[in-house]
Every structure is written in C-alpha cells, then in structure tokens.
C-alpha cells in the first residue's frame, strides 16, 4: 500500500511540475533615478531640462529604462500599437511629494497604482496638457479642486487624455 501511495504522489508531482513548468516568480524592477544622460524616448531631449512629472518604462529585455519628459507620453507609449508590450514596470512621479519645477529623487510610484488628474490647468514637460499622477486619491482630488480636471485611475484614463493632440 505504501508503494502505491508513493507512486501516486510521484505521479502527481510529475504532473504538477510539467503543468507549472519551471516558472520563476516575476521580479518587478525598481525605478531608476534620473541623470543628465536620460533622454526622452519620443523627443530625444534631456528629461531633466523639462518641468513637471516624468515617466519611465522598464522593459523585460532591457536594463535601462525608456525615459519620458511627460506622464502623458509615458501612458501613450503603453497604448500605441507599434510600441513594445514587454513592459516589466511603469513608474511616474508622485506629484503629491515632488516639486513641479524639478521632481526630486525618490518620488517614483507604480503607474498602475497611481491616481491621475486629467484636464487641469498645468502643462507638462513638452508644454502640452499633462496627466498629473498622485499616489493617493485624496491628493489627486485636492489638486483637481485647485487646478481643475478630473481624477482617474490608470485603467480608466481615456485615450483622448493621452493620445489626442492639444488644440
């Protein structure tokens, strides 16, 4: 009986190993800090030369992030059909903790967990309407009350908020 029990356990273990494969737990890379070498993915300009929140996208097959001078461009990148989809992490500046003129190191937040104000009176790094990120809904609501706009979470951001050009 013990031999039959061991055989069943061994068979079950083999089935689970085959069905699960050798998958390793996914490790989300940490955000990187901006340097003078960071160049905007779309504009080719030095990211630090622009005001407002910034973004970075880390791909699974690349060590260095793709940098963005605006959060609007960061989110647009994730939605454009011709851009890479092997995204390991997306980080944006938490404007509840950062200065608009020069966001500080250590203010990166997971873009997928952030709250965004769209339609405010603030313009981003490329002097276009900006999608302004916050780590908390309450900070986003406070900003919207002062600067206008509506609050969205990442999945609810309308394409018109990031893909359409300013008039």
N, C-alpha and C. Protein backbone atom coordinates (compact mmCIF):
# COMPACT_ATOMS: atom_id res chain seq x y z
N UNK A 1 0.82 -1.20 0.00
CA UNK A 1 0.00 0.00 0.00
C UNK A 1 0.86 1.26 0.00
N UNK A 2 1.95 1.23 0.80
CA UNK A 2 2.84 2.38 0.84
C UNK A 2 3.45 2.65 -0.53
N UNK A 3 3.79 1.58 -1.26
CA UNK A 3 4.38 1.74 -2.59
C UNK A 3 3.39 2.39 -3.55
N UNK A 4 2.14 1.99 -3.49
CA UNK A 4 1.10 2.58 -4.34
C UNK A 4 0.92 4.06 -3.99
N UNK A 5 0.89 4.37 -2.70
CA UNK A 5 0.74 5.76 -2.24
C UNK A 5 1.90 6.62 -2.73
N UNK A 6 3.13 6.09 -2.63
CA UNK A 6 4.31 6.83 -3.10
C UNK A 6 4.26 7.02 -4.62
N UNK A 7 3.81 6.01 -5.32
CA UNK A 7 3.72 6.11 -6.78
C UNK A 7 2.71 7.18 -7.20
N UNK A 8 1.59 7.22 -6.50
CA UNK A 8 0.58 8.24 -6.80
C UNK A 8 1.12 9.63 -6.51
N UNK A 9 1.80 9.81 -5.40
CA UNK A 9 2.40 11.11 -5.07
C UNK A 9 3.45 11.51 -6.09
N UNK A 10 4.26 10.55 -6.52
CA UNK A 10 5.29 10.84 -7.52
C UNK A 10 4.66 11.25 -8.84
N UNK A 11 3.61 10.54 -9.23
CA UNK A 11 2.91 10.87 -10.47
C UNK A 11 2.27 12.25 -10.38
N UNK A 12 1.64 12.53 -9.26
CA UNK A 12 1.03 13.84 -9.05
C UNK A 12 2.09 14.94 -9.10
N UNK A 13 3.22 14.70 -8.47
CA UNK A 13 4.32 15.68 -8.50
C UNK A 13 4.83 15.92 -9.91
N UNK A 14 4.93 14.85 -10.69
CA UNK A 14 5.38 14.99 -12.08
C UNK A 14 4.39 15.78 -12.91
N UNK A 15 3.10 15.51 -12.71
CA UNK A 15 2.06 16.24 -13.44
C UNK A 15 2.11 17.72 -13.09
N UNK A 16 2.24 18.02 -11.81
CA UNK A 16 2.30 19.43 -11.39
C UNK A 16 3.54 20.11 -11.93
N UNK A 17 4.66 19.42 -11.96
CA UNK A 17 5.89 20.00 -12.47
C UNK A 17 5.76 20.31 -13.96
N UNK A 18 5.18 19.38 -14.72
CA UNK A 18 5.01 19.59 -16.15
C UNK A 18 4.02 20.72 -16.40
N UNK A 19 2.91 20.75 -15.66
CA UNK A 19 1.89 21.76 -15.91
C UNK A 19 2.32 23.15 -15.47
N UNK A 20 3.14 23.22 -14.45
CA UNK A 20 3.58 24.52 -13.95
C UNK A 20 4.86 24.98 -14.62
N UNK A 21 5.63 24.04 -15.19
CA UNK A 21 6.88 24.40 -15.82
C UNK A 21 7.89 24.85 -14.79
N UNK A 22 8.95 25.47 -15.27
CA UNK A 22 9.99 25.98 -14.38
C UNK A 22 9.86 27.48 -14.22
N UNK A 23 8.66 27.97 -14.10
CA UNK A 23 8.44 29.41 -13.97
C UNK A 23 9.05 29.94 -12.68
N UNK A 24 9.73 31.04 -12.82
CA UNK A 24 10.29 31.72 -11.66
C UNK A 24 9.34 32.85 -11.28
N UNK A 25 9.29 33.21 -10.01
CA UNK A 25 8.44 34.34 -9.63
C UNK A 25 8.89 35.60 -10.37
N UNK A 26 7.92 36.39 -10.80
CA UNK A 26 8.24 37.62 -11.51
C UNK A 26 8.77 38.66 -10.53
N UNK A 27 9.92 39.21 -10.85
CA UNK A 27 10.52 40.26 -10.02
C UNK A 27 10.33 41.58 -10.76
N UNK A 28 9.67 42.51 -10.11
CA UNK A 28 9.44 43.81 -10.71
C UNK A 28 10.67 44.67 -10.47
N UNK A 29 11.28 45.19 -11.53
CA UNK A 29 12.48 46.02 -11.33
C UNK A 29 12.13 47.33 -10.63
N UNK A 30 13.06 47.81 -9.84
CA UNK A 30 12.88 49.08 -9.11
C UNK A 30 13.04 50.25 -10.07
N UNK A 31 12.44 51.39 -9.73
CA UNK A 31 12.64 52.57 -10.58
C UNK A 31 14.09 53.04 -10.52
N UNK A 32 14.52 53.68 -11.58
CA UNK A 32 15.85 54.27 -11.61
C UNK A 32 15.72 55.77 -11.47
N UNK A 33 16.77 56.40 -10.97
CA UNK A 33 16.75 57.85 -10.81
C UNK A 33 17.27 58.52 -12.06
N UNK A 34 16.74 59.69 -12.32
CA UNK A 34 17.14 60.47 -13.49
C UNK A 34 18.58 60.98 -13.35
N UNK A 35 19.26 61.02 -14.48
CA UNK A 35 20.58 61.64 -14.56
C UNK A 35 20.56 62.55 -15.78
N UNK A 36 21.60 63.30 -15.97
CA UNK A 36 21.70 64.18 -17.15
C UNK A 36 21.73 63.36 -18.44
N UNK A 37 22.02 62.08 -18.36
CA UNK A 37 22.08 61.23 -19.54
C UNK A 37 20.71 60.73 -19.99
N UNK A 38 19.67 60.93 -19.16
CA UNK A 38 18.33 60.44 -19.50
C UNK A 38 17.75 61.29 -20.62
N UNK A 39 17.41 60.63 -21.72
CA UNK A 39 16.89 61.31 -22.91
C UNK A 39 15.47 60.80 -23.17
N UNK A 40 14.57 61.73 -23.46
CA UNK A 40 13.18 61.38 -23.72
C UNK A 40 13.04 60.45 -24.92
N UNK A 41 12.26 59.41 -24.76
CA UNK A 41 12.08 58.40 -25.79
C UNK A 41 11.49 59.00 -27.07
N UNK A 42 10.47 59.81 -26.95
CA UNK A 42 9.82 60.38 -28.14
C UNK A 42 10.51 61.64 -28.66
N UNK A 43 11.01 62.48 -27.75
CA UNK A 43 11.51 63.80 -28.18
C UNK A 43 13.02 63.87 -28.34
N UNK A 44 13.75 62.94 -27.73
CA UNK A 44 15.21 62.96 -27.85
C UNK A 44 15.87 64.07 -27.05
N UNK A 45 15.13 64.69 -26.14
CA UNK A 45 15.67 65.80 -25.34
C UNK A 45 16.02 65.32 -23.94
N UNK A 46 16.91 66.08 -23.25
CA UNK A 46 17.29 65.75 -21.89
C UNK A 46 16.08 65.90 -20.98
N UNK A 47 15.70 64.83 -20.30
CA UNK A 47 14.50 64.81 -19.48
C UNK A 47 14.57 65.84 -18.35
N UNK A 48 15.73 65.98 -17.73
CA UNK A 48 15.88 66.91 -16.61
C UNK A 48 15.69 68.38 -16.99
N UNK A 49 15.72 68.70 -18.27
CA UNK A 49 15.54 70.08 -18.72
C UNK A 49 14.07 70.49 -18.77
N UNK A 50 13.16 69.61 -18.41
CA UNK A 50 11.73 69.89 -18.51
C UNK A 50 11.06 69.85 -17.15
N UNK A 51 10.09 70.74 -16.96
CA UNK A 51 9.33 70.80 -15.72
C UNK A 51 8.22 69.76 -15.72
N UNK A 52 7.67 69.53 -14.55
CA UNK A 52 6.52 68.64 -14.43
C UNK A 52 6.91 67.20 -14.19
N UNK A 53 5.89 66.35 -14.04
CA UNK A 53 6.14 64.94 -13.75
C UNK A 53 6.77 64.22 -14.94
N UNK A 54 7.51 63.20 -14.61
CA UNK A 54 8.23 62.40 -15.61
C UNK A 54 7.74 60.95 -15.55
N UNK A 55 8.22 60.16 -16.51
CA UNK A 55 7.88 58.74 -16.51
C UNK A 55 9.04 57.90 -17.00
N UNK A 56 8.99 56.64 -16.62
CA UNK A 56 9.96 55.67 -17.12
C UNK A 56 9.26 54.33 -17.29
N UNK A 57 9.63 53.65 -18.37
CA UNK A 57 9.10 52.33 -18.66
C UNK A 57 10.28 51.38 -18.71
N UNK A 58 10.19 50.31 -17.91
CA UNK A 58 11.23 49.29 -17.90
C UNK A 58 10.72 48.08 -18.67
N UNK A 59 11.49 47.65 -19.66
CA UNK A 59 11.12 46.50 -20.49
C UNK A 59 11.83 45.25 -19.99
N UNK A 60 11.26 44.10 -20.27
CA UNK A 60 11.81 42.85 -19.78
C UNK A 60 13.16 42.50 -20.41
N UNK A 61 13.45 43.04 -21.58
CA UNK A 61 14.69 42.68 -22.29
C UNK A 61 15.70 43.82 -22.35
N UNK A 62 15.58 44.76 -21.42
CA UNK A 62 16.45 45.94 -21.47
C UNK A 62 16.73 46.41 -20.05
N UNK A 63 18.00 46.71 -19.73
CA UNK A 63 18.35 47.16 -18.38
C UNK A 63 17.98 48.61 -18.13
N UNK A 64 18.23 49.45 -19.10
CA UNK A 64 17.97 50.88 -18.94
C UNK A 64 16.51 51.20 -19.26
N UNK A 65 15.92 52.11 -18.49
CA UNK A 65 14.52 52.47 -18.77
C UNK A 65 14.39 53.32 -20.02
N UNK A 66 13.19 53.32 -20.57
CA UNK A 66 12.82 54.29 -21.59
C UNK A 66 12.31 55.49 -20.79
N UNK A 67 12.88 56.66 -21.03
CA UNK A 67 12.52 57.87 -20.27
C UNK A 67 11.52 58.71 -21.03
N UNK A 68 10.68 59.43 -20.29
CA UNK A 68 9.66 60.29 -20.89
C UNK A 68 9.64 61.62 -20.16
N UNK A 69 9.57 62.71 -20.93
CA UNK A 69 9.55 64.05 -20.35
C UNK A 69 8.19 64.41 -19.78
N UNK A 70 7.19 63.58 -20.04
CA UNK A 70 5.85 63.83 -19.50
C UNK A 70 5.17 62.50 -19.20
N UNK A 71 4.24 62.54 -18.28
CA UNK A 71 3.47 61.34 -17.95
C UNK A 71 2.50 61.03 -19.08
N UNK A 72 2.02 62.06 -19.72
CA UNK A 72 1.12 61.85 -20.87
C UNK A 72 1.80 60.96 -21.92
N UNK A 73 3.06 61.25 -22.24
CA UNK A 73 3.80 60.45 -23.21
C UNK A 73 4.08 59.04 -22.68
N UNK A 74 4.32 58.92 -21.38
CA UNK A 74 4.57 57.62 -20.77
C UNK A 74 3.38 56.69 -20.97
N UNK A 75 2.20 57.19 -20.66
CA UNK A 75 1.00 56.37 -20.79
C UNK A 75 0.66 56.13 -22.26
N UNK A 76 0.88 57.14 -23.10
CA UNK A 76 0.64 56.97 -24.54
C UNK A 76 1.49 55.82 -25.08
N UNK A 77 2.74 55.75 -24.65
CA UNK A 77 3.63 54.67 -25.08
C UNK A 77 3.00 53.31 -24.84
N UNK A 78 2.37 53.13 -23.69
CA UNK A 78 1.79 51.83 -23.34
C UNK A 78 0.59 51.48 -24.21
N UNK A 79 0.00 52.47 -24.86
CA UNK A 79 -1.22 52.24 -25.64
C UNK A 79 -1.00 52.24 -27.15
N UNK A 80 0.11 52.74 -27.60
CA UNK A 80 0.37 52.80 -29.03
C UNK A 80 0.66 51.40 -29.57
N UNK A 81 -0.01 51.01 -30.64
CA UNK A 81 0.15 49.64 -31.15
C UNK A 81 1.55 49.30 -31.63
N UNK A 82 2.32 50.25 -32.08
CA UNK A 82 3.65 49.96 -32.61
C UNK A 82 4.75 49.91 -31.57
N UNK A 83 4.44 50.15 -30.31
CA UNK A 83 5.46 50.17 -29.26
C UNK A 83 5.54 48.82 -28.55
N UNK A 84 6.66 48.62 -27.88
CA UNK A 84 6.92 47.36 -27.16
C UNK A 84 5.83 47.09 -26.13
N UNK A 85 5.49 45.83 -25.97
CA UNK A 85 4.48 45.41 -24.99
C UNK A 85 5.06 44.55 -23.88
N UNK A 86 6.38 44.31 -23.93
CA UNK A 86 7.03 43.51 -22.89
C UNK A 86 7.44 44.42 -21.72
N UNK A 87 6.45 45.05 -21.13
CA UNK A 87 6.67 46.02 -20.06
C UNK A 87 6.79 45.29 -18.71
N UNK A 88 7.91 45.52 -18.04
CA UNK A 88 8.13 44.93 -16.71
C UNK A 88 7.61 45.85 -15.62
N UNK A 89 7.72 47.17 -15.83
CA UNK A 89 7.25 48.14 -14.83
C UNK A 89 7.10 49.50 -15.48
N UNK A 90 6.19 50.29 -14.92
CA UNK A 90 5.98 51.68 -15.36
C UNK A 90 5.99 52.53 -14.09
N UNK A 91 6.83 53.55 -14.09
CA UNK A 91 6.89 54.46 -12.94
C UNK A 91 6.65 55.89 -13.39
N UNK A 92 5.99 56.65 -12.53
CA UNK A 92 5.73 58.07 -12.76
C UNK A 92 6.04 58.83 -11.47
N UNK A 93 6.20 60.13 -11.62
CA UNK A 93 6.50 60.98 -10.47
C UNK A 93 5.25 61.22 -9.64
N UNK A 94 5.35 61.02 -8.34
CA UNK A 94 4.25 61.32 -7.41
C UNK A 94 4.25 62.82 -7.14
N UNK A 95 3.32 63.54 -7.77
CA UNK A 95 3.30 64.99 -7.63
C UNK A 95 2.72 65.44 -6.29
N UNK A 96 2.31 64.52 -5.46
CA UNK A 96 1.93 64.84 -4.09
C UNK A 96 3.16 65.01 -3.20
N UNK A 97 4.33 64.58 -3.70
CA UNK A 97 5.58 64.67 -2.94
C UNK A 97 6.68 65.39 -3.69
N UNK A 98 6.46 65.75 -4.93
CA UNK A 98 7.53 66.32 -5.76
C UNK A 98 7.23 67.76 -6.16
N UNK A 99 8.27 68.49 -6.46
CA UNK A 99 8.17 69.86 -6.96
C UNK A 99 7.87 69.82 -8.46
N UNK A 100 7.01 70.73 -8.91
CA UNK A 100 6.70 70.79 -10.34
C UNK A 100 7.92 71.23 -11.14
N UNK A 101 8.70 72.15 -10.58
CA UNK A 101 9.85 72.68 -11.31
C UNK A 101 10.97 71.66 -11.51
N UNK A 102 11.19 70.80 -10.52
CA UNK A 102 12.24 69.79 -10.63
C UNK A 102 11.92 68.63 -9.70
N UNK A 103 11.17 67.65 -10.18
CA UNK A 103 10.83 66.50 -9.33
C UNK A 103 12.08 65.87 -8.71
N UNK A 104 11.99 65.58 -7.42
CA UNK A 104 13.12 65.08 -6.66
C UNK A 104 13.30 63.57 -6.80
N UNK A 105 14.51 63.11 -6.53
CA UNK A 105 14.74 61.65 -6.49
C UNK A 105 13.87 61.03 -5.40
N UNK A 106 13.52 59.78 -5.59
CA UNK A 106 12.76 59.06 -4.58
C UNK A 106 11.27 59.31 -4.61
N UNK A 107 10.76 59.95 -5.66
CA UNK A 107 9.33 60.25 -5.74
C UNK A 107 8.62 59.40 -6.80
N UNK A 108 9.24 58.33 -7.23
CA UNK A 108 8.64 57.44 -8.23
C UNK A 108 7.58 56.56 -7.58
N UNK A 109 6.49 56.34 -8.31
CA UNK A 109 5.43 55.44 -7.87
C UNK A 109 5.03 54.53 -9.03
N UNK A 110 4.46 53.41 -8.71
CA UNK A 110 3.98 52.46 -9.70
C UNK A 110 2.81 53.12 -10.47
N UNK A 111 2.99 53.29 -11.75
CA UNK A 111 1.98 53.99 -12.57
C UNK A 111 0.63 53.29 -12.54
N UNK A 112 0.63 51.98 -12.43
CA UNK A 112 -0.62 51.23 -12.45
C UNK A 112 -1.43 51.38 -11.16
N UNK A 113 -0.79 51.89 -10.11
CA UNK A 113 -1.47 52.08 -8.83
C UNK A 113 -1.76 53.56 -8.53
N UNK A 114 -1.35 54.44 -9.41
CA UNK A 114 -1.48 55.88 -9.20
C UNK A 114 -2.88 56.38 -9.55
N UNK A 115 -3.16 57.60 -9.12
CA UNK A 115 -4.38 58.34 -9.47
C UNK A 115 -3.94 59.54 -10.29
N UNK A 116 -4.69 59.85 -11.35
CA UNK A 116 -4.27 60.86 -12.32
C UNK A 116 -5.32 61.96 -12.46
N UNK A 117 -4.83 63.20 -12.56
CA UNK A 117 -5.72 64.32 -12.87
C UNK A 117 -5.51 64.66 -14.33
N UNK A 118 -6.61 64.65 -15.07
CA UNK A 118 -6.59 64.99 -16.49
C UNK A 118 -7.49 66.20 -16.69
N UNK A 119 -7.00 67.17 -17.47
CA UNK A 119 -7.77 68.36 -17.76
C UNK A 119 -7.49 69.51 -16.82
N UNK A 120 -6.37 69.48 -16.13
CA UNK A 120 -6.02 70.59 -15.23
C UNK A 120 -5.43 71.75 -16.03
N UNK A 121 -5.11 72.83 -15.32
CA UNK A 121 -4.52 74.00 -15.97
C UNK A 121 -2.99 73.90 -16.07
N UNK A 122 -2.41 72.78 -15.65
CA UNK A 122 -0.95 72.61 -15.68
C UNK A 122 -0.52 71.96 -16.99
N UNK A 123 0.62 72.41 -17.49
CA UNK A 123 1.19 71.81 -18.69
C UNK A 123 2.47 71.06 -18.31
N UNK A 124 2.77 70.03 -19.07
CA UNK A 124 3.91 69.18 -18.77
C UNK A 124 5.18 69.59 -19.47
N UNK A 125 6.12 68.65 -19.47
CA UNK A 125 7.46 68.87 -19.98
C UNK A 125 7.53 69.36 -21.41
N UNK A 126 6.60 69.00 -22.23
CA UNK A 126 6.62 69.43 -23.63
C UNK A 126 5.60 70.54 -23.89
N UNK A 127 5.23 71.24 -22.84
CA UNK A 127 4.27 72.36 -22.91
C UNK A 127 2.92 71.93 -23.48
N UNK A 128 2.56 70.71 -23.19
CA UNK A 128 1.27 70.16 -23.62
C UNK A 128 0.47 69.83 -22.36
N UNK A 129 -0.85 69.67 -22.49
CA UNK A 129 -1.65 69.28 -21.32
C UNK A 129 -1.03 68.04 -20.68
N UNK A 130 -0.96 68.03 -19.36
CA UNK A 130 -0.31 66.94 -18.66
C UNK A 130 -1.29 66.06 -17.91
N UNK A 131 -0.94 64.81 -17.79
CA UNK A 131 -1.64 63.84 -16.97
C UNK A 131 -0.85 63.82 -15.66
N UNK A 132 -1.45 64.31 -14.57
CA UNK A 132 -0.70 64.55 -13.33
C UNK A 132 -0.95 63.42 -12.33
N UNK A 133 0.12 62.66 -11.99
CA UNK A 133 -0.03 61.49 -11.13
C UNK A 133 0.15 61.77 -9.63
N UNK A 134 -0.58 60.98 -8.83
CA UNK A 134 -0.50 61.06 -7.36
C UNK A 134 -0.59 59.65 -6.80
N UNK A 135 0.03 59.45 -5.65
CA UNK A 135 -0.03 58.13 -5.01
C UNK A 135 -1.33 57.91 -4.27
N UNK A 136 -2.05 58.99 -3.94
CA UNK A 136 -3.33 58.83 -3.23
C UNK A 136 -4.44 59.58 -3.95
N UNK A 137 -5.63 59.04 -3.82
CA UNK A 137 -6.80 59.68 -4.42
C UNK A 137 -7.05 61.05 -3.78
N UNK A 138 -6.83 61.16 -2.48
CA UNK A 138 -7.10 62.43 -1.79
C UNK A 138 -6.19 63.54 -2.30
N UNK A 139 -4.92 63.24 -2.56
CA UNK A 139 -4.00 64.27 -3.10
C UNK A 139 -4.43 64.65 -4.52
N UNK A 140 -4.87 63.68 -5.30
CA UNK A 140 -5.33 63.97 -6.65
C UNK A 140 -6.58 64.84 -6.61
N UNK A 141 -7.51 64.55 -5.70
CA UNK A 141 -8.73 65.35 -5.56
C UNK A 141 -8.40 66.79 -5.13
N UNK A 142 -7.45 66.94 -4.21
CA UNK A 142 -7.03 68.29 -3.78
C UNK A 142 -6.45 69.08 -4.95
N UNK A 143 -5.60 68.42 -5.74
CA UNK A 143 -5.00 69.07 -6.91
C UNK A 143 -6.09 69.47 -7.91
N UNK A 144 -7.03 68.58 -8.17
CA UNK A 144 -8.11 68.86 -9.12
C UNK A 144 -8.98 70.02 -8.63
N UNK A 145 -9.21 70.11 -7.34
CA UNK A 145 -10.00 71.22 -6.79
C UNK A 145 -9.29 72.55 -7.01
N UNK A 146 -7.97 72.53 -6.95
CA UNK A 146 -7.19 73.77 -7.12
C UNK A 146 -6.89 74.10 -8.58
N UNK A 147 -6.65 73.08 -9.41
CA UNK A 147 -6.20 73.31 -10.79
C UNK A 147 -7.17 72.82 -11.86
N UNK A 148 -8.32 72.30 -11.45
CA UNK A 148 -9.28 71.78 -12.41
C UNK A 148 -8.93 70.37 -12.82
N UNK A 149 -9.83 69.76 -13.58
CA UNK A 149 -9.59 68.42 -14.09
C UNK A 149 -10.39 67.38 -13.34
N UNK A 150 -10.27 66.15 -13.82
CA UNK A 150 -10.96 65.00 -13.23
C UNK A 150 -9.93 63.94 -12.84
N UNK A 151 -10.28 63.15 -11.83
CA UNK A 151 -9.38 62.12 -11.32
C UNK A 151 -9.75 60.76 -11.92
N UNK A 152 -8.73 60.02 -12.35
CA UNK A 152 -8.89 58.69 -12.93
C UNK A 152 -7.84 57.76 -12.34
N UNK A 153 -8.15 56.46 -12.33
CA UNK A 153 -7.08 55.50 -12.05
C UNK A 153 -6.49 55.09 -13.40
N UNK A 154 -5.40 54.34 -13.37
CA UNK A 154 -4.65 54.02 -14.58
C UNK A 154 -5.51 53.39 -15.67
N UNK A 155 -6.30 52.40 -15.31
CA UNK A 155 -7.10 51.69 -16.31
C UNK A 155 -8.25 52.52 -16.87
N UNK A 156 -8.66 53.56 -16.16
CA UNK A 156 -9.79 54.37 -16.60
C UNK A 156 -9.39 55.61 -17.40
N UNK A 157 -8.09 55.86 -17.54
CA UNK A 157 -7.64 57.04 -18.30
C UNK A 157 -8.15 56.91 -19.73
N UNK A 158 -8.92 57.90 -20.19
CA UNK A 158 -9.43 57.82 -21.57
C UNK A 158 -8.29 58.02 -22.58
N UNK A 159 -8.38 57.32 -23.71
CA UNK A 159 -7.38 57.50 -24.76
C UNK A 159 -7.25 58.97 -25.15
N UNK A 160 -8.37 59.70 -25.12
CA UNK A 160 -8.34 61.12 -25.50
C UNK A 160 -7.44 61.93 -24.56
N UNK A 161 -7.23 61.44 -23.34
CA UNK A 161 -6.39 62.14 -22.38
C UNK A 161 -4.91 62.00 -22.64
N UNK A 162 -4.53 61.00 -23.46
CA UNK A 162 -3.11 60.77 -23.70
C UNK A 162 -2.73 60.66 -25.18
N UNK A 163 -3.68 60.41 -26.04
CA UNK A 163 -3.35 60.18 -27.45
C UNK A 163 -3.73 61.32 -28.38
N UNK A 164 -4.67 62.15 -27.99
CA UNK A 164 -5.08 63.24 -28.87
C UNK A 164 -4.20 64.45 -28.64
N UNK A 165 -3.97 65.20 -29.71
CA UNK A 165 -3.13 66.37 -29.61
C UNK A 165 -3.90 67.54 -29.02
N UNK A 166 -3.16 68.47 -28.40
CA UNK A 166 -3.80 69.65 -27.80
C UNK A 166 -4.28 70.58 -28.91
N UNK A 167 -5.37 71.26 -28.63
CA UNK A 167 -5.90 72.19 -29.65
C UNK A 167 -5.30 73.55 -29.46
